Amino acid sequence: MRTYRLILSGLGNVGRSFLTIMQSQESLLAEQYGVALRVVAAVDSGGAAIDALGLDPGAILALKQERQSVAAMPGCGQAGMGPVELAAHIEADILLEATPVNLVNGQPGLDTARTALRRGMHVVLANKGPLALAYAELAGLSDMGAASADRGNPRDWPALRFSACVGGSLPTIAIGRRDLAGARIQRVEAVLNGTTQGILRAMEQGTSYADALAEMQRRGLAETDPSLDVEGWDSANKLTIVANAVLRRPTTLADVAVTGITALTADDLRAAMARGERIVLLCLAERLGDDIRLSVRPTPLPLDHPLARMRADEMGVVYFTDISGIQTATTRETDPVPTAAAMLRDVLDIAMR
């Protein structure tokens, strides 16, 4: 049995869901993978809790249920301690980063990930900000970087995994990097933001925009700042990650043309349906000569298109290739648990390296 010591940075919907599934899947991890997980440090906006022997996930969840910081944990709480300080000083195997997305400077997630990777610690991200702003840098500090004579084998470097950043549990990155290896990807079409998908489908049924957004927030599916969802920036983050990690195109957010859904009306959606189309917030990467054009915008698709057939709780991706055909995957997610499950998937990927 191999025990992995974890630092959990961020105890919002996804971080708390990770603690829950860590408990529910404990016997499966032991029996099928020979893996045990131990949270040696956890941090939220109020401070941290640290215990080399392992924190009790149930105790953390109980504190959060009472809207308290983990800094209040008896005997191990550290008020005011932040995630970067933890990553710099705590001995652990894997950092799990799930703090809110910050597209201004990526903090604190970016410095937390940098610090952990530079110490040789594996990093699993559910926070898209660091990748959207500094993918090349983080890849270069990890096994995602290219092999070179002076760098040696990337497998000797700490792992960087982020499947939770691109569509919850949808295996967007794994399909593109692993399953389509050897193929040239000509085009990617995807719906990667569950909040806007839910809002648009609810508006088709007569729900107001405000009420539909409030429901997404109530269910814990919207970003902490919901403007990231409805203005298209969450989707643009994810498309930027796909462009870098799958299409190998050096990309920043500035390379993506972005239009959100805030200008759409119920009449627009009903008119599209009357034409035999459905409007989705489409992430599009299309190869044009030697470059790839990237955009996020509301787009009408024919009703028989795989992404137009999806329900309110679904996200999906379609890869168009030269030799591997057209690959489609979808996921139905009604709460943050599948995103946390993607983090667990990444932890196991690291364990099986």
Protein backbone atom coordinates (compact mmCIF):
# COMPACT_ATOMS: atom_id res chain seq x y z
CA MET A 1 0.00 0.00 0.00
CA ARG A 2 1.40 3.39 -1.00
CA THR A 3 0.27 6.42 0.99
CA TYR A 4 0.21 9.81 -0.74
CA ARG A 5 0.37 12.94 1.40
CA LEU A 6 -1.86 15.69 0.06
CA ILE A 7 -2.11 19.45 0.48
CA LEU A 8 -5.63 20.64 -0.31
CA SER A 9 -5.70 24.31 -1.28
CA GLY A 10 -9.25 25.64 -1.49
CA LEU A 11 -12.28 24.32 0.37
CA GLY A 12 -15.11 25.57 -1.79
CA ASN A 13 -17.59 23.32 -3.55
CA VAL A 14 -14.93 21.28 -5.37
CA GLY A 15 -12.51 20.99 -2.47
CA ARG A 16 -15.23 19.84 -0.08
CA SER A 17 -16.51 17.38 -2.69
CA PHE A 18 -13.00 15.95 -2.97
CA LEU A 19 -12.92 15.30 0.77
CA THR A 20 -16.29 13.57 0.54
CA ILE A 21 -15.27 11.20 -2.27
CA MET A 22 -11.93 10.59 -0.62
CA GLN A 23 -13.91 9.03 2.20
CA SER A 24 -16.46 7.19 0.04
CA GLN A 25 -13.82 5.70 -2.28
CA GLU A 26 -11.26 4.79 0.40
CA SER A 27 -11.74 1.01 0.21
CA LEU A 28 -11.85 1.01 -3.61
CA LEU A 29 -8.57 2.94 -3.78
CA ALA A 30 -6.94 0.46 -1.44
CA GLU A 31 -8.29 -2.69 -3.09
CA GLN A 32 -7.95 -1.78 -6.76
CA TYR A 33 -4.98 0.60 -6.76
CA GLY A 34 -3.05 -0.07 -3.55
CA VAL A 35 -3.31 3.63 -2.75
CA ALA A 36 -4.16 5.47 0.46
CA LEU A 37 -4.64 9.24 0.62
CA ARG A 38 -3.76 11.38 3.62
CA VAL A 39 -4.49 15.12 3.79
CA VAL A 40 -1.58 16.57 5.75
CA ALA A 41 -2.59 20.22 5.22
CA ALA A 42 -5.69 22.10 4.10
CA VAL A 43 -6.14 25.82 3.58
CA ASP A 44 -9.02 28.21 2.98
CA SER A 45 -9.39 32.00 3.01
CA GLY A 46 -9.11 32.11 6.81
CA GLY A 47 -5.97 30.06 7.31
CA ALA A 48 -4.74 26.49 7.40
CA ALA A 49 -4.74 23.26 9.34
CA ILE A 50 -1.65 21.03 9.42
CA ASP A 51 -1.10 17.51 10.73
CA ALA A 52 1.63 15.24 9.38
CA LEU A 53 -0.34 12.21 10.60
CA GLY A 54 -3.37 13.25 8.59
CA LEU A 55 -6.34 15.56 9.07
CA ASP A 56 -9.80 14.08 9.52
CA PRO A 57 -11.80 14.86 6.34
CA GLY A 58 -15.04 14.59 8.30
CA ALA A 59 -13.87 17.17 10.82
CA ILE A 60 -12.93 19.57 8.02
CA LEU A 61 -16.32 19.12 6.37
CA ALA A 62 -18.09 19.70 9.69
CA LEU A 63 -16.23 22.97 10.21
CA LYS A 64 -17.05 24.14 6.69
CA GLN A 65 -20.70 23.22 7.22
CA GLU A 66 -20.63 25.63 10.15
CA ARG A 67 -18.99 28.27 7.86
CA GLN A 68 -15.78 28.21 9.86
CA SER A 69 -12.20 28.21 8.63
CA VAL A 70 -10.00 25.14 9.03
CA ALA A 71 -7.80 27.48 11.07
CA ALA A 72 -10.28 26.79 13.89
CA MET A 73 -9.31 23.11 14.11
CA PRO A 74 -8.08 22.42 17.65
CA GLY A 75 -4.37 21.78 17.95
CA CYS A 76 -3.52 22.12 14.27
CA GLY A 77 -5.15 25.35 13.03
CA GLN A 78 -2.97 28.21 11.79
CA ALA A 79 -4.91 31.46 11.34
CA GLY A 80 -3.73 33.61 8.45
CA MET A 81 -1.49 30.97 6.85
CA GLY A 82 -1.88 30.92 3.08
CA PRO A 83 -1.46 28.24 0.38
CA VAL A 84 1.87 29.49 -0.97
CA GLU A 85 3.42 29.22 2.50
CA LEU A 86 2.06 25.68 2.83
CA ALA A 87 3.45 24.67 -0.56
CA ALA A 88 6.84 26.11 0.41
CA HIS A 89 7.21 24.40 3.79
CA ILE A 90 4.94 21.35 4.19
CA GLU A 91 6.28 17.94 3.22
CA ALA A 92 3.75 16.39 0.86
CA ASP A 93 3.59 14.37 -2.35
CA ILE A 94 0.75 16.09 -4.21
CA LEU A 95 -0.72 19.58 -4.12
CA LEU A 96 -4.42 19.81 -5.00
CA GLU A 97 -5.24 23.39 -6.10
CA ALA A 98 -8.93 24.35 -6.08
CA THR A 99 -9.01 28.02 -5.10
CA PRO A 100 -11.28 30.43 -7.03
CA VAL A 101 -10.28 31.38 -10.57
CA ASN A 102 -8.40 34.68 -10.82
CA LEU A 103 -7.82 35.89 -14.39
CA VAL A 104 -6.04 39.08 -13.38
CA ASN A 105 -2.84 37.49 -12.05
CA GLY A 106 -3.75 33.88 -11.31
CA GLN A 107 -3.17 34.23 -7.58
CA PRO A 108 -2.91 32.56 -5.18
CA GLY A 109 -3.15 29.42 -7.32
CA LEU A 110 -0.35 30.31 -9.72
CA ASP A 111 2.32 30.94 -7.07
CA THR A 112 1.11 27.91 -5.10
CA ALA A 113 1.53 25.65 -8.14
CA ARG A 114 4.89 27.22 -9.04
CA THR A 115 6.20 26.72 -5.53
CA ALA A 116 5.09 23.10 -5.32
CA LEU A 117 6.52 22.15 -8.72
CA ARG A 118 9.84 23.82 -7.96
CA ARG A 119 10.07 21.71 -4.79
CA GLY A 120 9.44 18.56 -6.85
CA MET A 121 5.85 18.15 -5.64
CA HIS A 122 3.21 16.85 -8.05
CA VAL A 123 0.36 19.27 -8.76
CA VAL A 124 -3.30 18.60 -9.59
CA LEU A 125 -5.28 21.66 -10.63
CA ALA A 126 -9.01 22.27 -10.61
CA ASN A 127 -8.30 26.00 -10.87
CA LYS A 128 -8.05 27.08 -14.51
CA GLY A 129 -6.47 30.47 -13.88
CA PRO A 130 -2.82 29.39 -13.55
CA LEU A 131 -3.00 27.39 -16.78
CA ALA A 132 -4.81 30.08 -18.74
CA LEU A 133 -2.21 32.67 -17.75
CA ALA A 134 1.02 30.66 -17.47
CA TYR A 135 0.64 27.27 -19.15
CA ALA A 136 4.09 27.28 -20.77
CA GLU A 137 5.84 28.12 -17.50
CA LEU A 138 4.04 25.46 -15.45
CA ALA A 139 4.49 22.84 -18.17
CA GLY A 140 8.20 23.64 -18.23
CA LEU A 141 8.43 22.97 -14.50
CA SER A 142 6.70 19.60 -14.88
CA ASP A 143 6.47 16.39 -16.88
CA MET A 144 4.28 18.22 -19.40
CA GLY A 145 7.32 20.02 -20.77
CA ALA A 146 9.14 18.87 -23.88
CA ALA A 147 12.17 16.62 -23.61
CA SER A 148 15.53 18.25 -24.31
CA ALA A 149 19.22 17.40 -23.84
CA ASP A 150 19.67 19.76 -20.91
CA ARG A 151 16.32 18.91 -19.30
CA GLY A 152 16.52 15.13 -19.42
CA ASN A 153 13.51 12.87 -19.36
CA PRO A 154 10.28 14.75 -18.48
CA ARG A 155 9.14 11.67 -16.55
CA ASP A 156 11.76 12.51 -13.95
CA TRP A 157 10.03 15.85 -13.32
CA PRO A 158 7.02 16.37 -11.05
CA ALA A 159 3.65 15.68 -12.63
CA LEU A 160 1.19 18.41 -13.61
CA ARG A 161 -2.39 17.24 -14.15
CA PHE A 162 -5.52 19.32 -14.78
CA SER A 163 -8.31 17.22 -16.28
CA ALA A 164 -10.78 18.83 -13.85
CA CYS A 165 -10.13 22.19 -15.53
CA VAL A 166 -11.66 21.30 -18.90
CA GLY A 167 -15.25 20.17 -18.47
CA GLY A 168 -15.50 18.61 -15.02
CA SER A 169 -15.14 14.85 -15.35
CA LEU A 170 -15.20 15.01 -19.17
CA PRO A 171 -11.89 13.42 -20.31
CA THR A 172 -11.20 16.23 -22.76
CA ILE A 173 -7.43 16.31 -22.26
CA ALA A 174 -6.99 12.53 -22.09
CA ILE A 175 -8.84 12.00 -25.37
CA GLY A 176 -6.84 14.66 -27.17
CA ARG A 177 -3.39 13.78 -25.83
CA ARG A 178 -3.63 10.01 -25.39
CA ASP A 179 -6.46 8.52 -27.41
CA LEU A 180 -5.83 10.60 -30.54
CA ALA A 181 -2.05 10.19 -30.45
CA GLY A 182 -0.65 10.05 -33.98
CA ALA A 183 -3.66 11.79 -35.51
CA ARG A 184 -3.82 15.36 -36.74
CA ILE A 185 -6.68 17.18 -35.03
CA GLN A 186 -8.28 19.43 -37.63
CA ARG A 187 -11.08 20.91 -35.55
CA VAL A 188 -12.41 20.92 -32.00
CA GLU A 189 -15.99 21.82 -31.10
CA ALA A 190 -16.97 21.81 -27.45
CA VAL A 191 -19.47 22.98 -24.87
CA LEU A 192 -17.38 23.18 -21.71
CA ASN A 193 -19.34 25.46 -19.39
CA GLY A 194 -22.18 23.78 -17.55
CA THR A 195 -23.57 27.03 -16.16
CA THR A 196 -24.27 28.61 -19.55
CA GLN A 197 -25.57 25.32 -20.93
CA GLY A 198 -28.03 25.11 -18.04
CA ILE A 199 -29.08 28.76 -18.43
CA LEU A 200 -29.69 28.50 -22.19
CA ARG A 201 -31.71 25.32 -21.93
CA ALA A 202 -33.78 26.77 -19.05
CA MET A 203 -34.46 29.94 -21.05
CA GLU A 204 -35.74 27.79 -23.92
CA GLN A 205 -38.33 26.47 -21.49
CA GLY A 206 -39.43 29.94 -20.40
CA THR A 207 -37.25 30.54 -17.31
CA SER A 208 -35.85 34.05 -17.04
CA TYR A 209 -32.10 34.59 -17.39
CA ALA A 210 -31.85 35.82 -13.77
CA ASP A 211 -33.72 32.84 -12.35
CA ALA A 212 -31.71 30.37 -14.43
CA LEU A 213 -28.41 31.86 -13.23
CA ALA A 214 -29.61 31.83 -9.62
CA GLU A 215 -30.37 28.11 -9.94
CA MET A 216 -26.87 27.38 -11.25
CA GLN A 217 -25.43 29.28 -8.28
CA ARG A 218 -27.69 27.45 -5.83
CA ARG A 219 -26.45 24.09 -7.13
CA GLY A 220 -22.79 25.10 -6.80
CA LEU A 221 -22.13 24.86 -10.55
CA ALA A 222 -21.46 28.53 -11.29
CA GLU A 223 -18.03 30.05 -10.75
CA THR A 224 -17.50 32.13 -7.59
CA ASP A 225 -17.67 35.09 -9.97
CA PRO A 226 -20.51 34.07 -12.34
CA SER A 227 -19.51 36.69 -14.91
CA LEU A 228 -16.68 34.32 -15.84
CA ASP A 229 -19.36 31.87 -16.99
CA VAL A 230 -21.91 34.08 -18.69
CA GLU A 231 -19.40 36.40 -20.40
CA GLY A 232 -17.57 33.41 -21.87
CA TRP A 233 -14.26 33.66 -20.02
CA ASP A 234 -14.53 30.30 -18.25
CA SER A 235 -15.01 28.64 -21.64
CA ALA A 236 -12.13 30.67 -23.08
CA ASN A 237 -9.90 29.49 -20.21
CA LYS A 238 -10.70 25.90 -21.08
CA LEU A 239 -10.17 26.40 -24.81
CA THR A 240 -6.79 28.01 -24.04
CA ILE A 241 -5.81 24.91 -22.07
CA VAL A 242 -6.94 22.61 -24.90
CA ALA A 243 -4.96 24.66 -27.43
CA ASN A 244 -1.79 24.43 -25.33
CA ALA A 245 -2.03 20.89 -23.98
CA VAL A 246 -3.72 19.06 -26.85
CA LEU A 247 -3.12 21.09 -30.03
CA ARG A 248 0.38 22.15 -28.91
CA ARG A 249 -0.31 25.72 -29.99
CA PRO A 250 1.27 28.26 -27.61
CA THR A 251 -1.83 30.19 -26.59
CA THR A 252 -2.98 32.83 -24.12
CA LEU A 253 -6.45 34.18 -23.44
CA ALA A 254 -5.70 37.10 -25.75
CA ASP A 255 -5.68 34.65 -28.68
CA VAL A 256 -9.33 33.68 -28.16
CA ALA A 257 -12.20 35.75 -29.59
CA VAL A 258 -14.83 35.74 -26.83
CA THR A 259 -18.55 36.55 -26.80
CA GLY A 260 -20.77 35.53 -23.88
CA ILE A 261 -24.48 34.81 -23.60
CA THR A 262 -25.64 37.97 -21.82
CA ALA A 263 -27.09 39.53 -24.98
CA LEU A 264 -29.17 36.46 -25.88
CA THR A 265 -32.92 36.54 -25.32
CA ALA A 266 -35.53 33.81 -25.03
CA ASP A 267 -36.82 34.98 -28.44
CA ASP A 268 -33.37 34.29 -29.96
CA LEU A 269 -33.39 30.76 -28.57
CA ARG A 270 -36.95 30.02 -29.66
CA ALA A 271 -36.29 31.40 -33.15
CA ALA A 272 -33.30 29.07 -33.49
CA MET A 273 -35.43 26.11 -32.43
CA ALA A 274 -38.03 27.06 -35.03
CA ARG A 275 -35.27 26.90 -37.69
CA GLY A 276 -34.25 23.43 -36.51
CA GLU A 277 -31.23 24.69 -34.57
CA ARG A 278 -30.14 25.07 -30.95
CA ILE A 279 -27.84 27.82 -29.68
CA VAL A 280 -24.93 26.71 -27.49
CA LEU A 281 -21.91 28.56 -26.15
CA LEU A 282 -19.44 26.91 -28.51
CA CYS A 283 -15.69 26.61 -27.99
CA LEU A 284 -14.17 26.28 -31.47
CA ALA A 285 -10.63 25.55 -32.58
CA GLU A 286 -10.24 25.23 -36.35
CA ARG A 287 -7.02 24.66 -38.23
CA LEU A 288 -6.44 27.26 -40.94
CA GLY A 289 -3.22 26.69 -42.84
CA ASP A 290 -0.36 26.69 -40.36
CA ASP A 291 -2.36 28.25 -37.52
CA ILE A 292 -5.42 27.49 -35.43
CA ARG A 293 -8.25 30.00 -34.99
CA LEU A 294 -9.85 30.02 -31.54
CA SER A 295 -13.22 31.42 -30.51
CA VAL A 296 -15.97 31.19 -27.91
CA ARG A 297 -19.38 32.49 -28.95
CA PRO A 298 -23.08 31.60 -28.97
CA THR A 299 -23.52 29.45 -32.05
CA PRO A 300 -26.60 27.82 -33.62
CA LEU A 301 -26.06 24.13 -34.37
CA PRO A 302 -28.41 21.77 -36.23
CA LEU A 303 -30.52 19.71 -33.84
CA ASP A 304 -28.84 16.46 -34.95
CA HIS A 305 -25.40 17.76 -33.93
CA PRO A 306 -24.04 15.88 -30.86
CA LEU A 307 -23.63 19.12 -28.91
CA ALA A 308 -27.13 20.32 -29.81
CA ARG A 309 -28.67 17.09 -28.54
CA MET A 310 -27.26 17.61 -25.04
CA ARG A 311 -29.50 18.39 -22.09
CA ALA A 312 -29.12 21.19 -19.57
CA ASP A 313 -26.75 19.22 -17.32
CA GLU A 314 -24.43 18.05 -20.09
CA MET A 315 -21.12 19.18 -21.52
CA GLY A 316 -19.33 17.68 -24.49
CA VAL A 317 -16.45 17.76 -26.94
CA VAL A 318 -16.10 16.69 -30.57
CA TYR A 319 -12.66 16.08 -32.09
CA PHE A 320 -12.37 16.01 -35.90
CA THR A 321 -9.21 14.20 -37.06
CA ASP A 322 -7.48 13.06 -40.23
CA ILE A 323 -7.06 9.35 -39.41
CA SER A 324 -9.05 8.66 -36.21
CA GLY A 325 -12.45 9.76 -37.43
CA ILE A 326 -14.69 12.03 -35.38
CA GLN A 327 -14.53 11.42 -31.64
CA THR A 328 -17.36 12.61 -29.39
CA ALA A 329 -17.64 12.52 -25.60
CA THR A 330 -20.25 13.99 -23.27
CA THR A 331 -20.80 14.11 -19.54
CA ARG A 332 -23.89 14.84 -17.43
CA GLU A 333 -23.07 16.63 -14.18
CA THR A 334 -25.59 17.98 -11.69
CA ASP A 335 -23.22 19.06 -8.91
CA PRO A 336 -19.48 19.63 -8.26
CA VAL A 337 -18.77 15.95 -7.41
CA PRO A 338 -17.67 14.95 -10.96
CA THR A 339 -15.13 17.78 -11.01
CA ALA A 340 -13.71 16.50 -7.73
CA ALA A 341 -13.73 13.00 -9.23
CA ALA A 342 -11.56 14.30 -12.07
CA MET A 343 -9.07 15.47 -9.46
CA LEU A 344 -9.08 11.99 -7.96
CA ARG A 345 -8.54 10.56 -11.45
CA ASP A 346 -5.47 12.78 -11.80
CA VAL A 347 -4.15 11.68 -8.42
CA LEU A 348 -4.41 8.06 -9.51
CA ASP A 349 -2.75 8.87 -12.83
CA ILE A 350 0.19 10.23 -10.86
CA ALA A 351 0.21 7.21 -8.56
CA MET A 352 0.29 4.84 -11.56
CA ARG A 353 3.14 6.72 -13.35
